[in-house]
Amino acid sequence: MSEVKRMKAPRQVAVGVLADEGLPEQVITTIADDLPGIFAAQVSEKTRWRVADQVEQLPLDENDDLPMRTLLQRHRQDQRWDLLVLITDLPRRAGTKPVVAGIDVEHQSR
């Protein structure tokens, strides 16, 4: 009798994209449908990528920064997203240098 190898179903990752109204909204509505294929090609073809985009006015906290962790926690519960991408055209700086992107990898609770 030949040995039958069990194939694991591909792991699914739900990526939520929150975009501010205006130009960020235009950008995400243009590329949202392409993102699962891009993630598969650039990150992992073994992972099934589910991307959902949503437009809302992104709030700022008391320090005039985007509350990434708060938004992620809220949308993890409401939308069941594993990852959250925020797209905004708000100017950001670190001292005198412009900030193009920020990432929070330390907060990985489920």
PDB file of N, CA and C in Angstrom:
ATOM      1  N   MET A   1       0.840  -1.171   0.000  1.00  0.00           N
ATOM      2  CA  MET A   1       0.000   0.000   0.000  1.00  0.00           C
ATOM      3  C   MET A   1       0.883   1.232   0.000  1.00  0.00           C
ATOM      4  N   SER A   2       0.615   2.133  -0.915  1.00  0.00           N
ATOM      5  CA  SER A   2       1.446   3.331  -1.005  1.00  0.00           C
ATOM      6  C   SER A   2       1.067   4.342   0.071  1.00  0.00           C
ATOM      7  N   GLU A   3       2.071   5.065   0.463  1.00  0.00           N
ATOM      8  CA  GLU A   3       1.854   6.077   1.493  1.00  0.00           C
ATOM      9  C   GLU A   3       1.187   7.307   0.871  1.00  0.00           C
ATOM     10  N   VAL A   4       0.103   7.740   1.479  1.00  0.00           N
ATOM     11  CA  VAL A   4      -0.603   8.923   0.995  1.00  0.00           C
ATOM     12  C   VAL A   4      -0.188  10.093   1.866  1.00  0.00           C
ATOM     13  N   LYS A   5       0.366  11.099   1.240  1.00  0.00           N
ATOM     14  CA  LYS A   5       0.781  12.287   1.983  1.00  0.00           C
ATOM     15  C   LYS A   5      -0.404  13.230   2.133  1.00  0.00           C
ATOM     16  N   ARG A   6      -0.562  13.717   3.326  1.00  0.00           N
ATOM     17  CA  ARG A   6      -1.637  14.670   3.578  1.00  0.00           C
ATOM     18  C   ARG A   6      -1.180  16.056   3.144  1.00  0.00           C
ATOM     19  N   MET A   7      -1.991  16.700   2.365  1.00  0.00           N
ATOM     20  CA  MET A   7      -1.694  18.065   1.939  1.00  0.00           C
ATOM     21  C   MET A   7      -2.412  19.029   2.868  1.00  0.00           C
ATOM     22  N   LYS A   8      -1.679  19.968   3.365  1.00  0.00           N
ATOM     23  CA  LYS A   8      -2.285  20.988   4.206  1.00  0.00           C
ATOM     24  C   LYS A   8      -2.970  22.019   3.323  1.00  0.00           C
ATOM     25  N   ALA A   9      -4.117  22.464   3.779  1.00  0.00           N
ATOM     26  CA  ALA A   9      -4.785  23.556   3.073  1.00  0.00           C
ATOM     27  C   ALA A   9      -3.929  24.799   3.224  1.00  0.00           C
ATOM     28  N   PRO A  10      -3.905  25.630   2.214  1.00  0.00           N
ATOM     29  CA  PRO A  10      -3.084  26.834   2.332  1.00  0.00           C
ATOM     30  C   PRO A  10      -3.564  27.706   3.476  1.00  0.00           C
ATOM     31  N   ARG A  11      -2.626  28.280   4.168  1.00  0.00           N
ATOM     32  CA  ARG A  11      -2.950  29.191   5.259  1.00  0.00           C
ATOM     33  C   ARG A  11      -3.554  30.457   4.659  1.00  0.00           C
ATOM     34  N   GLN A  12      -4.582  30.944   5.268  1.00  0.00           N
ATOM     35  CA  GLN A  12      -5.222  32.172   4.784  1.00  0.00           C
ATOM     36  C   GLN A  12      -4.849  33.340   5.682  1.00  0.00           C
ATOM     37  N   VAL A  13      -4.549  34.471   5.072  1.00  0.00           N
ATOM     38  CA  VAL A  13      -4.258  35.696   5.803  1.00  0.00           C
ATOM     39  C   VAL A  13      -5.225  36.758   5.308  1.00  0.00           C
ATOM     40  N   ALA A  14      -5.944  37.348   6.248  1.00  0.00           N
ATOM     41  CA  ALA A  14      -6.887  38.422   5.916  1.00  0.00           C
ATOM     42  C   ALA A  14      -6.202  39.765   6.137  1.00  0.00           C
ATOM     43  N   VAL A  15      -6.077  40.521   5.065  1.00  0.00           N
ATOM     44  CA  VAL A  15      -5.444  41.830   5.121  1.00  0.00           C
ATOM     45  C   VAL A  15      -6.525  42.888   4.941  1.00  0.00           C
ATOM     46  N   GLY A  16      -6.620  43.768   5.913  1.00  0.00           N
ATOM     47  CA  GLY A  16      -7.552  44.876   5.813  1.00  0.00           C
ATOM     48  C   GLY A  16      -6.803  46.128   5.433  1.00  0.00           C
ATOM     49  N   VAL A  17      -7.361  46.864   4.490  1.00  0.00           N
ATOM     50  CA  VAL A  17      -6.757  48.119   4.068  1.00  0.00           C
ATOM     51  C   VAL A  17      -7.740  49.231   4.383  1.00  0.00           C
ATOM     52  N   LEU A  18      -7.345  50.117   5.290  1.00  0.00           N
ATOM     53  CA  LEU A  18      -8.162  51.284   5.617  1.00  0.00           C
ATOM     54  C   LEU A  18      -7.550  52.488   4.935  1.00  0.00           C
ATOM     55  N   ALA A  19      -8.337  53.171   4.158  1.00  0.00           N
ATOM     56  CA  ALA A  19      -7.842  54.332   3.431  1.00  0.00           C
ATOM     57  C   ALA A  19      -8.628  55.568   3.832  1.00  0.00           C
ATOM     58  N   ASP A  20      -7.900  56.657   3.995  1.00  0.00           N
ATOM     59  CA  ASP A  20      -8.541  57.953   4.206  1.00  0.00           C
ATOM     60  C   ASP A  20      -9.321  58.329   2.957  1.00  0.00           C
ATOM     61  N   GLU A  21     -10.286  59.206   3.125  1.00  0.00           N
ATOM     62  CA  GLU A  21     -11.054  59.694   1.982  1.00  0.00           C
ATOM     63  C   GLU A  21     -10.159  60.546   1.084  1.00  0.00           C
ATOM     64  N   GLY A  22     -10.538  60.675  -0.167  1.00  0.00           N
ATOM     65  CA  GLY A  22      -9.784  61.513  -1.106  1.00  0.00           C
ATOM     66  C   GLY A  22      -8.779  60.706  -1.893  1.00  0.00           C
ATOM     67  N   LEU A  23      -7.560  61.232  -2.027  1.00  0.00           N
ATOM     68  CA  LEU A  23      -6.519  60.583  -2.824  1.00  0.00           C
ATOM     69  C   LEU A  23      -6.194  59.168  -2.338  1.00  0.00           C
ATOM     70  N   PRO A  24      -6.047  58.923  -1.010  1.00  0.00           N
ATOM     71  CA  PRO A  24      -5.800  57.534  -0.584  1.00  0.00           C
ATOM     72  C   PRO A  24      -6.912  56.579  -1.020  1.00  0.00           C
ATOM     73  N   GLU A  25      -8.152  57.055  -0.978  1.00  0.00           N
ATOM     74  CA  GLU A  25      -9.288  56.241  -1.434  1.00  0.00           C
ATOM     75  C   GLU A  25      -9.150  55.906  -2.914  1.00  0.00           C
ATOM     76  N   GLN A  26      -8.759  56.878  -3.722  1.00  0.00           N
ATOM     77  CA  GLN A  26      -8.585  56.648  -5.155  1.00  0.00           C
ATOM     78  C   GLN A  26      -7.487  55.629  -5.418  1.00  0.00           C
ATOM     79  N   VAL A  27      -6.409  55.721  -4.659  1.00  0.00           N
ATOM     80  CA  VAL A  27      -5.290  54.790  -4.833  1.00  0.00           C
ATOM     81  C   VAL A  27      -5.722  53.367  -4.517  1.00  0.00           C
ATOM     82  N   ILE A  28      -6.366  53.168  -3.368  1.00  0.00           N
ATOM     83  CA  ILE A  28      -6.702  51.803  -2.967  1.00  0.00           C
ATOM     84  C   ILE A  28      -7.778  51.196  -3.857  1.00  0.00           C
ATOM     85  N   THR A  29      -8.742  51.978  -4.299  1.00  0.00           N
ATOM     86  CA  THR A  29      -9.766  51.398  -5.167  1.00  0.00           C
ATOM     87  C   THR A  29      -9.178  51.000  -6.519  1.00  0.00           C
ATOM     88  N   THR A  30      -8.059  51.600  -6.889  1.00  0.00           N
ATOM     89  CA  THR A  30      -7.398  51.258  -8.138  1.00  0.00           C
ATOM     90  C   THR A  30      -6.623  49.947  -8.035  1.00  0.00           C
ATOM     91  N   ILE A  31      -6.016  49.679  -6.866  1.00  0.00           N
ATOM     92  CA  ILE A  31      -5.125  48.515  -6.748  1.00  0.00           C
ATOM     93  C   ILE A  31      -5.655  47.378  -5.887  1.00  0.00           C
ATOM     94  N   ALA A  32      -6.749  47.562  -5.186  1.00  0.00           N
ATOM     95  CA  ALA A  32      -7.227  46.568  -4.208  1.00  0.00           C
ATOM     96  C   ALA A  32      -7.400  45.173  -4.811  1.00  0.00           C
ATOM     97  N   ASP A  33      -7.969  45.077  -5.992  1.00  0.00           N
ATOM     98  CA  ASP A  33      -8.209  43.761  -6.597  1.00  0.00           C
ATOM     99  C   ASP A  33      -6.913  43.034  -6.971  1.00  0.00           C
ATOM    100  N   ASP A  34      -5.831  43.787  -7.169  1.00  0.00           N
ATOM    101  CA  ASP A  34      -4.551  43.189  -7.543  1.00  0.00           C
ATOM    102  C   ASP A  34      -3.725  42.724  -6.343  1.00  0.00           C
ATOM    103  N   LEU A  35      -4.059  43.187  -5.143  1.00  0.00           N
ATOM    104  CA  LEU A  35      -3.227  42.912  -3.979  1.00  0.00           C
ATOM    105  C   LEU A  35      -3.070  41.435  -3.632  1.00  0.00           C
ATOM    106  N   PRO A  36      -4.109  40.596  -3.672  1.00  0.00           N
ATOM    107  CA  PRO A  36      -3.881  39.179  -3.352  1.00  0.00           C
ATOM    108  C   PRO A  36      -2.819  38.532  -4.257  1.00  0.00           C
ATOM    109  N   GLY A  37      -2.851  38.832  -5.525  1.00  0.00           N
ATOM    110  CA  GLY A  37      -1.856  38.284  -6.453  1.00  0.00           C
ATOM    111  C   GLY A  37      -0.465  38.827  -6.196  1.00  0.00           C
ATOM    112  N   ILE A  38      -0.388  40.097  -5.860  1.00  0.00           N
ATOM    113  CA  ILE A  38       0.904  40.709  -5.547  1.00  0.00           C
ATOM    114  C   ILE A  38       1.491  40.085  -4.288  1.00  0.00           C
ATOM    115  N   PHE A  39       0.654  39.924  -3.248  1.00  0.00           N
ATOM    116  CA  PHE A  39       1.132  39.300  -2.013  1.00  0.00           C
ATOM    117  C   PHE A  39       1.579  37.868  -2.262  1.00  0.00           C
ATOM    118  N   ALA A  40       0.837  37.138  -3.068  1.00  0.00           N
ATOM    119  CA  ALA A  40       1.208  35.754  -3.377  1.00  0.00           C
ATOM    120  C   ALA A  40       2.564  35.714  -4.085  1.00  0.00           C
ATOM    121  N   ALA A  41       2.763  36.604  -5.045  1.00  0.00           N
ATOM    122  CA  ALA A  41       4.009  36.614  -5.802  1.00  0.00           C
ATOM    123  C   ALA A  41       5.191  37.119  -4.983  1.00  0.00           C
ATOM    124  N   GLN A  42       4.957  38.105  -4.135  1.00  0.00           N
ATOM    125  CA  GLN A  42       6.055  38.731  -3.409  1.00  0.00           C
ATOM    126  C   GLN A  42       6.313  38.142  -2.018  1.00  0.00           C
ATOM    127  N   VAL A  43       5.285  37.525  -1.419  1.00  0.00           N
ATOM    128  CA  VAL A  43       5.430  37.030  -0.048  1.00  0.00           C
ATOM    129  C   VAL A  43       5.363  35.502  -0.004  1.00  0.00           C
ATOM    130  N   SER A  44       4.218  34.943  -0.398  1.00  0.00           N
ATOM    131  CA  SER A  44       4.082  33.483  -0.350  1.00  0.00           C
ATOM    132  C   SER A  44       2.936  33.019  -1.238  1.00  0.00           C
ATOM    133  N   GLU A  45       3.277  32.108  -2.133  1.00  0.00           N
ATOM    134  CA  GLU A  45       2.236  31.513  -2.967  1.00  0.00           C
ATOM    135  C   GLU A  45       1.462  30.447  -2.213  1.00  0.00           C
ATOM    136  N   LYS A  46       2.008  29.970  -1.102  1.00  0.00           N
ATOM    137  CA  LYS A  46       1.344  28.938  -0.310  1.00  0.00           C
ATOM    138  C   LYS A  46       0.256  29.521   0.584  1.00  0.00           C
ATOM    139  N   THR A  47       0.255  30.809   0.714  1.00  0.00           N
ATOM    140  CA  THR A  47      -0.739  31.480   1.550  1.00  0.00           C
ATOM    141  C   THR A  47      -1.864  31.999   0.672  1.00  0.00           C
ATOM    142  N   ARG A  48      -3.081  31.826   1.155  1.00  0.00           N
ATOM    143  CA  ARG A  48      -4.237  32.381   0.453  1.00  0.00           C
ATOM    144  C   ARG A  48      -4.493  33.761   1.050  1.00  0.00           C
ATOM    145  N   TRP A  49      -4.402  34.779   0.238  1.00  0.00           N
ATOM    146  CA  TRP A  49      -4.521  36.162   0.670  1.00  0.00           C
ATOM    147  C   TRP A  49      -5.932  36.666   0.423  1.00  0.00           C
ATOM    148  N   ARG A  50      -6.556  37.145   1.472  1.00  0.00           N
ATOM    149  CA  ARG A  50      -7.877  37.768   1.353  1.00  0.00           C
ATOM    150  C   ARG A  50      -7.706  39.233   1.716  1.00  0.00           C
ATOM    151  N   VAL A  51      -8.035  40.107   0.787  1.00  0.00           N
ATOM    152  CA  VAL A  51      -7.858  41.546   0.999  1.00  0.00           C
ATOM    153  C   VAL A  51      -9.215  42.224   0.960  1.00  0.00           C
ATOM    154  N   ALA A  52      -9.473  43.012   1.978  1.00  0.00           N
ATOM    155  CA  ALA A  52     -10.699  43.811   2.036  1.00  0.00           C
ATOM    156  C   ALA A  52     -10.304  45.260   2.234  1.00  0.00           C
ATOM    157  N   ASP A  53     -10.900  46.142   1.453  1.00  0.00           N
ATOM    158  CA  ASP A  53     -10.582  47.555   1.619  1.00  0.00           C
ATOM    159  C   ASP A  53     -11.799  48.303   2.135  1.00  0.00           C
ATOM    160  N   GLN A  54     -11.513  49.331   2.884  1.00  0.00           N
ATOM    161  CA  GLN A  54     -12.572  50.128   3.496  1.00  0.00           C
ATOM    162  C   GLN A  54     -12.089  51.572   3.544  1.00  0.00           C
ATOM    163  N   VAL A  55     -12.996  52.494   3.289  1.00  0.00           N
ATOM    164  CA  VAL A  55     -12.662  53.921   3.319  1.00  0.00           C
ATOM    165  C   VAL A  55     -13.345  54.551   4.518  1.00  0.00           C
ATOM    166  N   GLU A  56     -12.562  55.264   5.299  1.00  0.00           N
ATOM    167  CA  GLU A  56     -13.111  56.012   6.424  1.00  0.00           C
ATOM    168  C   GLU A  56     -12.126  57.116   6.787  1.00  0.00           C
ATOM    169  N   GLN A  57     -12.628  58.109   7.455  1.00  0.00           N
ATOM    170  CA  GLN A  57     -11.737  59.160   7.912  1.00  0.00           C
ATOM    171  C   GLN A  57     -10.913  58.597   9.065  1.00  0.00           C
ATOM    172  N   LEU A  58      -9.612  58.507   8.866  1.00  0.00           N
ATOM    173  CA  LEU A  58      -8.744  57.925   9.882  1.00  0.00           C
ATOM    174  C   LEU A  58      -8.536  58.942  11.007  1.00  0.00           C
ATOM    175  N   PRO A  59      -8.789  58.509  12.240  1.00  0.00           N
ATOM    176  CA  PRO A  59      -8.674  59.432  13.365  1.00  0.00           C
ATOM    177  C   PRO A  59      -7.222  59.621  13.793  1.00  0.00           C
ATOM    178  N   LEU A  60      -6.963  60.721  14.455  1.00  0.00           N
ATOM    179  CA  LEU A  60      -5.653  60.960  15.056  1.00  0.00           C
ATOM    180  C   LEU A  60      -5.803  60.897  16.569  1.00  0.00           C
ATOM    181  N   ASP A  61      -4.743  60.458  17.243  1.00  0.00           N
ATOM    182  CA  ASP A  61      -4.794  60.414  18.709  1.00  0.00           C
ATOM    183  C   ASP A  61      -4.359  61.766  19.286  1.00  0.00           C
ATOM    184  N   GLU A  62      -4.195  61.815  20.602  1.00  0.00           N
ATOM    185  CA  GLU A  62      -3.850  63.067  21.272  1.00  0.00           C
ATOM    186  C   GLU A  62      -2.479  63.597  20.880  1.00  0.00           C
ATOM    187  N   ASN A  63      -1.623  62.739  20.271  1.00  0.00           N
ATOM    188  CA  ASN A  63      -0.296  63.154  19.809  1.00  0.00           C
ATOM    189  C   ASN A  63      -0.282  63.451  18.308  1.00  0.00           C
ATOM    190  N   ASP A  64      -1.476  63.561  17.710  1.00  0.00           N
ATOM    191  CA  ASP A  64      -1.617  63.782  16.265  1.00  0.00           C
ATOM    192  C   ASP A  64      -0.956  62.686  15.442  1.00  0.00           C
ATOM    193  N   ASP A  65      -1.075  61.455  15.929  1.00  0.00           N
ATOM    194  CA  ASP A  65      -0.544  60.300  15.215  1.00  0.00           C
ATOM    195  C   ASP A  65      -1.683  59.328  14.955  1.00  0.00           C
ATOM    196  N   LEU A  66      -1.501  58.440  14.000  1.00  0.00           N
ATOM    197  CA  LEU A  66      -2.513  57.426  13.722  1.00  0.00           C
ATOM    198  C   LEU A  66      -2.447  56.347  14.804  1.00  0.00           C
ATOM    199  N   PRO A  67      -3.560  56.041  15.450  1.00  0.00           N
ATOM    200  CA  PRO A  67      -3.560  55.010  16.495  1.00  0.00           C
ATOM    201  C   PRO A  67      -3.632  53.608  15.880  1.00  0.00           C
ATOM    202  N   MET A  68      -2.516  53.160  15.318  1.00  0.00           N
ATOM    203  CA  MET A  68      -2.496  51.896  14.579  1.00  0.00           C
ATOM    204  C   MET A  68      -2.978  50.719  15.420  1.00  0.00           C
ATOM    205  N   ARG A  69      -2.496  50.602  16.626  1.00  0.00           N
ATOM    206  CA  ARG A  69      -2.869  49.459  17.461  1.00  0.00           C
ATOM    207  C   ARG A  69      -4.354  49.467  17.797  1.00  0.00           C
ATOM    208  N   THR A  70      -4.887  50.628  18.110  1.00  0.00           N
ATOM    209  CA  THR A  70      -6.314  50.732  18.428  1.00  0.00           C
ATOM    210  C   THR A  70      -7.153  50.353  17.220  1.00  0.00           C
ATOM    211  N   LEU A  71      -6.791  50.857  16.055  1.00  0.00           N
ATOM    212  CA  LEU A  71      -7.528  50.531  14.832  1.00  0.00           C
ATOM    213  C   LEU A  71      -7.433  49.035  14.518  1.00  0.00           C
ATOM    214  N   LEU A  72      -6.247  48.453  14.693  1.00  0.00           N
ATOM    215  CA  LEU A  72      -6.087  47.026  14.422  1.00  0.00           C
ATOM    216  C   LEU A  72      -6.934  46.192  15.374  1.00  0.00           C
ATOM    217  N   GLN A  73      -6.907  46.520  16.652  1.00  0.00           N
ATOM    218  CA  GLN A  73      -7.699  45.754  17.619  1.00  0.00           C
ATOM    219  C   GLN A  73      -9.186  45.827  17.286  1.00  0.00           C
ATOM    220  N   ARG A  74      -9.671  47.008  16.949  1.00  0.00           N
ATOM    221  CA  ARG A  74     -11.091  47.171  16.629  1.00  0.00           C
ATOM    222  C   ARG A  74     -11.471  46.366  15.388  1.00  0.00           C
ATOM    223  N   HIS A  75     -10.650  46.453  14.351  1.00  0.00           N
ATOM    224  CA  HIS A  75     -10.985  45.775  13.101  1.00  0.00           C
ATOM    225  C   HIS A  75     -10.709  44.276  13.153  1.00  0.00           C
ATOM    226  N   ARG A  76      -9.808  43.836  14.012  1.00  0.00           N
ATOM    227  CA  ARG A  76      -9.614  42.395  14.191  1.00  0.00           C
ATOM    228  C   ARG A  76     -10.887  41.769  14.729  1.00  0.00           C
ATOM    229  N   GLN A  77     -11.509  42.456  15.659  1.00  0.00           N
ATOM    230  CA  GLN A  77     -12.744  41.941  16.237  1.00  0.00           C
ATOM    231  C   GLN A  77     -13.904  42.069  15.253  1.00  0.00           C
ATOM    232  N   ASP A  78     -14.051  43.228  14.636  1.00  0.00           N
ATOM    233  CA  ASP A  78     -15.193  43.483  13.751  1.00  0.00           C
ATOM    234  C   ASP A  78     -15.080  42.770  12.403  1.00  0.00           C
ATOM    235  N   GLN A  79     -13.905  42.820  11.797  1.00  0.00           N
ATOM    236  CA  GLN A  79     -13.728  42.326  10.423  1.00  0.00           C
ATOM    237  C   GLN A  79     -12.937  41.015  10.340  1.00  0.00           C
ATOM    238  N   ARG A  80     -12.331  40.614  11.445  1.00  0.00           N
ATOM    239  CA  ARG A  80     -11.493  39.407  11.487  1.00  0.00           C
ATOM    240  C   ARG A  80     -10.280  39.525  10.570  1.00  0.00           C
ATOM    241  N   TRP A  81      -9.627  40.687  10.618  1.00  0.00           N
ATOM    242  CA  TRP A  81      -8.418  40.928   9.827  1.00  0.00           C
ATOM    243  C   TRP A  81      -7.193  40.502  10.621  1.00  0.00           C
ATOM    244  N   ASP A  82      -6.227  39.874   9.946  1.00  0.00           N
ATOM    245  CA  ASP A  82      -4.966  39.496  10.568  1.00  0.00           C
ATOM    246  C   ASP A  82      -3.953  40.636  10.511  1.00  0.00           C
ATOM    247  N   LEU A  83      -3.963  41.349   9.415  1.00  0.00           N
ATOM    248  CA  LEU A  83      -3.049  42.473   9.202  1.00  0.00           C
ATOM    249  C   LEU A  83      -3.855  43.705   8.824  1.00  0.00           C
ATOM    250  N   LEU A  84      -3.317  44.857   9.168  1.00  0.00           N
ATOM    251  CA  LEU A  84      -3.985  46.111   8.831  1.00  0.00           C
ATOM    252  C   LEU A  84      -2.994  47.034   8.145  1.00  0.00           C
ATOM    253  N   VAL A  85      -3.411  47.582   7.010  1.00  0.00           N
ATOM    254  CA  VAL A  85      -2.628  48.571   6.281  1.00  0.00           C
ATOM    255  C   VAL A  85      -3.431  49.866   6.294  1.00  0.00           C
ATOM    256  N   LEU A  86      -2.786  50.943   6.712  1.00  0.00           N
ATOM    257  CA  LEU A  86      -3.432  52.251   6.724  1.00  0.00           C
ATOM    258  C   LEU A  86      -2.838  53.086   5.606  1.00  0.00           C
ATOM    259  N   ILE A  87      -3.709  53.711   4.825  1.00  0.00           N
ATOM    260  CA  ILE A  87      -3.242  54.572   3.738  1.00  0.00           C
ATOM    261  C   ILE A  87      -3.817  55.958   3.968  1.00  0.00           C
ATOM    262  N   THR A  88      -2.927  56.918   4.073  1.00  0.00           N
ATOM    263  CA  THR A  88      -3.331  58.292   4.322  1.00  0.00           C
ATOM    264  C   THR A  88      -2.398  59.237   3.580  1.00  0.00           C
ATOM    265  N   ASP A  89      -2.842  60.438   3.376  1.00  0.00           N
ATOM    266  CA  ASP A  89      -1.964  61.442   2.788  1.00  0.00           C
ATOM    267  C   ASP A  89      -1.573  62.500   3.823  1.00  0.00           C
ATOM    268  N   LEU A  90      -1.761  62.158   5.106  1.00  0.00           N
ATOM    269  CA  LEU A  90      -1.331  63.058   6.168  1.00  0.00           C
ATOM    270  C   LEU A  90       0.191  63.131   6.179  1.00  0.00           C
ATOM    271  N   PRO A  91       0.736  64.339   6.259  1.00  0.00           N
ATOM    272  CA  PRO A  91       2.198  64.445   6.334  1.00  0.00           C
ATOM    273  C   PRO A  91       2.693  63.940   7.693  1.00  0.00           C
ATOM    274  N   ARG A  92       3.754  63.152   7.657  1.00  0.00           N
ATOM    275  CA  ARG A  92       4.344  62.623   8.893  1.00  0.00           C
ATOM    276  C   ARG A  92       5.833  62.913   8.879  1.00  0.00           C
ATOM    277  N   ARG A  93       6.368  63.181  10.058  1.00  0.00           N
ATOM    278  CA  ARG A  93       7.792  63.484  10.180  1.00  0.00           C
ATOM    279  C   ARG A  93       8.368  62.798  11.412  1.00  0.00           C
ATOM    280  N   ALA A  94       9.644  62.480  11.319  1.00  0.00           N
ATOM    281  CA  ALA A  94      10.434  62.045  12.465  1.00  0.00           C
ATOM    282  C   ALA A  94      11.507  63.122  12.618  1.00  0.00           C
ATOM    283  N   GLY A  95      11.238  64.052  13.506  1.00  0.00           N
ATOM    284  CA  GLY A  95      12.119  65.219  13.596  1.00  0.00           C
ATOM    285  C   GLY A  95      11.906  66.076  12.367  1.00  0.00           C
ATOM    286  N   THR A  96      12.956  66.254  11.583  1.00  0.00           N
ATOM    287  CA  THR A  96      12.843  67.057  10.362  1.00  0.00           C
ATOM    288  C   THR A  96      12.735  66.207   9.103  1.00  0.00           C
ATOM    289  N   LYS A  97      12.791  64.882   9.263  1.00  0.00           N
ATOM    290  CA  LYS A  97      12.752  63.996   8.096  1.00  0.00           C
ATOM    291  C   LYS A  97      11.328  63.499   7.844  1.00  0.00           C
ATOM    292  N   PRO A  98      10.899  63.529   6.579  1.00  0.00           N
ATOM    293  CA  PRO A  98       9.572  62.992   6.264  1.00  0.00           C
ATOM    294  C   PRO A  98       9.533  61.476   6.444  1.00  0.00           C
ATOM    295  N   VAL A  99       8.387  60.967   6.901  1.00  0.00           N
ATOM    296  CA  VAL A  99       8.180  59.535   7.084  1.00  0.00           C
ATOM    297  C   VAL A  99       7.242  59.059   5.987  1.00  0.00           C
ATOM    298  N   VAL A 100       7.693  58.099   5.214  1.00  0.00           N
ATOM    299  CA  VAL A 100       6.894  57.567   4.111  1.00  0.00           C
ATOM    300  C   VAL A 100       6.036  56.401   4.578  1.00  0.00           C
ATOM    301  N   ALA A 101       6.570  55.563   5.468  1.00  0.00           N
ATOM    302  CA  ALA A 101       5.844  54.387   5.931  1.00  0.00           C
ATOM    303  C   ALA A 101       6.252  54.072   7.361  1.00  0.00           C
ATOM    304  N   GLY A 102       5.316  53.477   8.091  1.00  0.00           N
ATOM    305  CA  GLY A 102       5.595  53.023   9.439  1.00  0.00           C
ATOM    306  C   GLY A 102       5.066  51.614   9.596  1.00  0.00           C
ATOM    307  N   ILE A 103       5.652  50.856  10.519  1.00  0.00           N
ATOM    308  CA  ILE A 103       5.228  49.481  10.725  1.00  0.00           C
ATOM    309  C   ILE A 103       5.270  49.163  12.213  1.00  0.00           C
ATOM    310  N   ASP A 104       4.323  48.377  12.656  1.00  0.00           N
ATOM    311  CA  ASP A 104       4.280  47.932  14.041  1.00  0.00           C
ATOM    312  C   ASP A 104       4.233  46.410  14.018  1.00  0.00           C
ATOM    313  N   VAL A 105       5.349  45.783  14.313  1.00  0.00           N
ATOM    314  CA  VAL A 105       5.413  44.322  14.313  1.00  0.00           C
ATOM    315  C   VAL A 105       5.444  43.746  15.717  1.00  0.00           C
ATOM    316  N   GLU A 106       5.519  44.596  16.718  1.00  0.00           N
ATOM    317  CA  GLU A 106       5.612  44.112  18.089  1.00  0.00           C
ATOM    318  C   GLU A 106       4.269  43.657  18.634  1.00  0.00           C
ATOM    319  N   HIS A 107       3.191  44.208  18.157  1.00  0.00           N
ATOM    320  CA  HIS A 107       1.865  43.907  18.707  1.00  0.00           C
ATOM    321  C   HIS A 107       1.227  42.803  17.896  1.00  0.00           C
ATOM    322  N   GLN A 108       1.423  41.562  18.346  1.00  0.00           N
ATOM    323  CA  GLN A 108       0.942  40.407  17.581  1.00  0.00           C
ATOM    324  C   GLN A 108      -0.003  39.555  18.396  1.00  0.00           C
ATOM    325  N   SER A 109      -0.960  40.173  19.059  1.00  0.00           N
ATOM    326  CA  SER A 109      -1.911  39.380  19.848  1.00  0.00           C
ATOM    327  C   SER A 109      -3.045  38.916  18.963  1.00  0.00           C
ATOM    328  N   ARG A 110      -3.704  37.898  19.396  1.00  0.00           N
ATOM    329  CA  ARG A 110      -4.855  37.370  18.648  1.00  0.00           C
ATOM    330  C   ARG A 110      -5.961  37.122  19.621  1.00  0.00           C
TER     331      ARG A 110
END
